[in-house]
Amino acid sequence: MTDERYSNFYDSSSGTKGAGNFTSLPERTSLNPVHKIGRQIGETLLLHRGMNASQARKESIEMLKRVGIPRPEQIVDEYPHQLSGGMRQRVMIAIAMACNPSLLIADEPTTALDVTIQAQILELMKKLAKENGTSILLITHDLGVVAETCDRVAVMYAGRIVEEGPVRKIFKNPQHPYTRGLLNSIPKLTGERKRLEPIEGNVPSVRNMPDGCRFAPRCPFAMDKCVAHNPDLFEVEDGLNHVVSYKRGSIMAQGTPLLQVEGLKKYFPIKRGVFRHTVGHVRAVDGVDFTLYPGETLGVVGESGCGKSTMGRSVLRLLEPSAGKVIFEGKDVTKLSKSQMRAMRREMQLVFQDPYASLNPRNSVAQTLMEPMQIHHIGNRSSQIERVRSLLDRVGLDPEYASRYPHEFSGGQRQRIGIARALTLNPKLIILDEPVAALDVSVQSQVLNLLEDLQTDFNLTYIFVAHDLSVVRHISDRIMVMYLGNMAESATSDDLFDDPLHPYTQALLSAVPVPDPDAKRERIILQGDLPSPANPPTGCPFHTRCPMAMDICKREKPVWKEVKPNHQVACHLY
């Protein structure tokens, strides 16, 4: 995707500017974990601007200030793992902008960030680009970000640009079937919820690209000449600079609860000194309550670091809860022995965010899917192999792929394998931790539809953890909003989006990019980063960033209350 918003500044730039720079995601792996932040920024300054160590340190602190990082004099001496995801991405931008480049290539700069941090990062990039006269080449699969941020967009498929033009023209009048397929694959934040329309099939292998138009095997309008000849780009009749390579010729569940969570807390001790004395606690989850019924989907949203994933892992006892009850089918799992918990985990499974990191690279798909059955002594080898083939077919993969290894699959295919692994033991509850965050919109829609189909077929119950609110609205029956380990608001999906009550929920919804360049929305930009859960604010945990904060918010923690049927909130405004 491209952004030439500031190309006029680039044309008038002086010869002393850097030719170009690059920032990418994941920022966790882009930063060197063994070097302090100041050294990593200073390295660029030493190499390209001829500064000495003292000058580089001073300039590094100044760059951290420019990208909005609080306490830059302290952060410059910290390591990447001590920073939040949003702060690490700001550091990456500081490194990229240190030499005042004429061109900034931003490769998925907001993919792993929640919507509020994403909004801050995008505004920061635009501000710095305008101040420095820098052009931006933005690479992303988030079409909402493209609609709100870019002037022009180039749509690529299998290594070729298939359509390029002004953002408004492409979003309002897409010409290429692939472009239209992408736009139809996006979960909408507004309007009626309906089944997504994914692009059937998969992107071709780079080792075996089809002749002619590379999209032809998946195109519903393909003709014989599409297979034989690669189409050239030509200008569309709807206006200047628009070119294209194609020419047109769930119901709320009821009954007995499956899962009841009461007062769930998870504190991590902070230890210091030679004898590792506990001097405090990180309150990752600080009192969460909810009830989940069979066949229901509960969406859990909030900023990075708010405790969403920790809450999910605590429910499964992958992390031992510090306090509270987790009652699954009438049994409190926090009181089960290890052997009892192992048996219980047949009913409770997890799908991880990163399908590649969660799959053992040394195990074939068959070994990965058979392992749970072997641990729980289910069937013989013959029946296990048959089960593997059946599961692969059910999640939309060729059973012959069973002998392959994770590196041989695309991200979407690996996520399907992760889902198949979770289904191996026929669970009743699956916790999905950011299951589509790393997938492009077309593959994302396929996975979301698969999850909905599996839920219908097997009466599965989901806890769906994500930061993409449009995705959460599409798949969830109810949504719970978390902030700093606490519950801020909970309601049915439609009610939460139609009438958000908590100021934090309102800010989250206002920050969601809408894939419509004509949509005008008032965005609420939250100032600063999430407070440290090791030292949370007194009173309401959100009062330090809340635009509506009152004196009582600083003194008293709000009570969790039902404001209207099935809609609860913790806020002094109600």
Foldseek 3Di string as FASTA:
>chain_A
DFACPLVVLLVPDDPQFAAEFEFEPPLVVVFDQVDALLVLLLVLCCVRVVDDPVVSSVLLLVLLVLLPHPPSVVSRGHGPVVDFSLSSLSSRVSSRPSRLHQEYEYYASPLAWFLQSSLSNLVSVVVSCNVSSHTYGYHDLPLLCCLARHQKDFDDALHDTFKIDGLQCCLVPPFDQVSVQQVQLFQALDDDFDAGRFQPDDRDDNVDQQPADSCQVRDPPHDPNRRHHHFDWDDDPPDPGIIGRDHPCDDADDDDFQKWWWQWWAWDFQFDDPVGDGPFTQTQAGGDTDTHHFLAEEEEAETGSLNLVVVVCCLLPVPQTPDTFIAGPRDTLNPDDPVVSLVVCLQEEEQEQQLLVVFDQVDFLLCLQCVNCVVVVNDDPVVSLVLSCVLCVLLPHHSVSRRPGPVVDDRLSSLSSSVSSRPSSLHQEYEYANSCSPPRSNSSSSNLVSVVVCCVVSSHYYYYYHSQLSSCLNRHQKYWYGANNHTFKIAGSVCCSVPPDGQSSVQSNLSHRGSRSPDDGDHDNFRDDRDGSRDAQEADSCQVGGPPHDPNRRHHHFDWDDPDPRMTGGDPVD
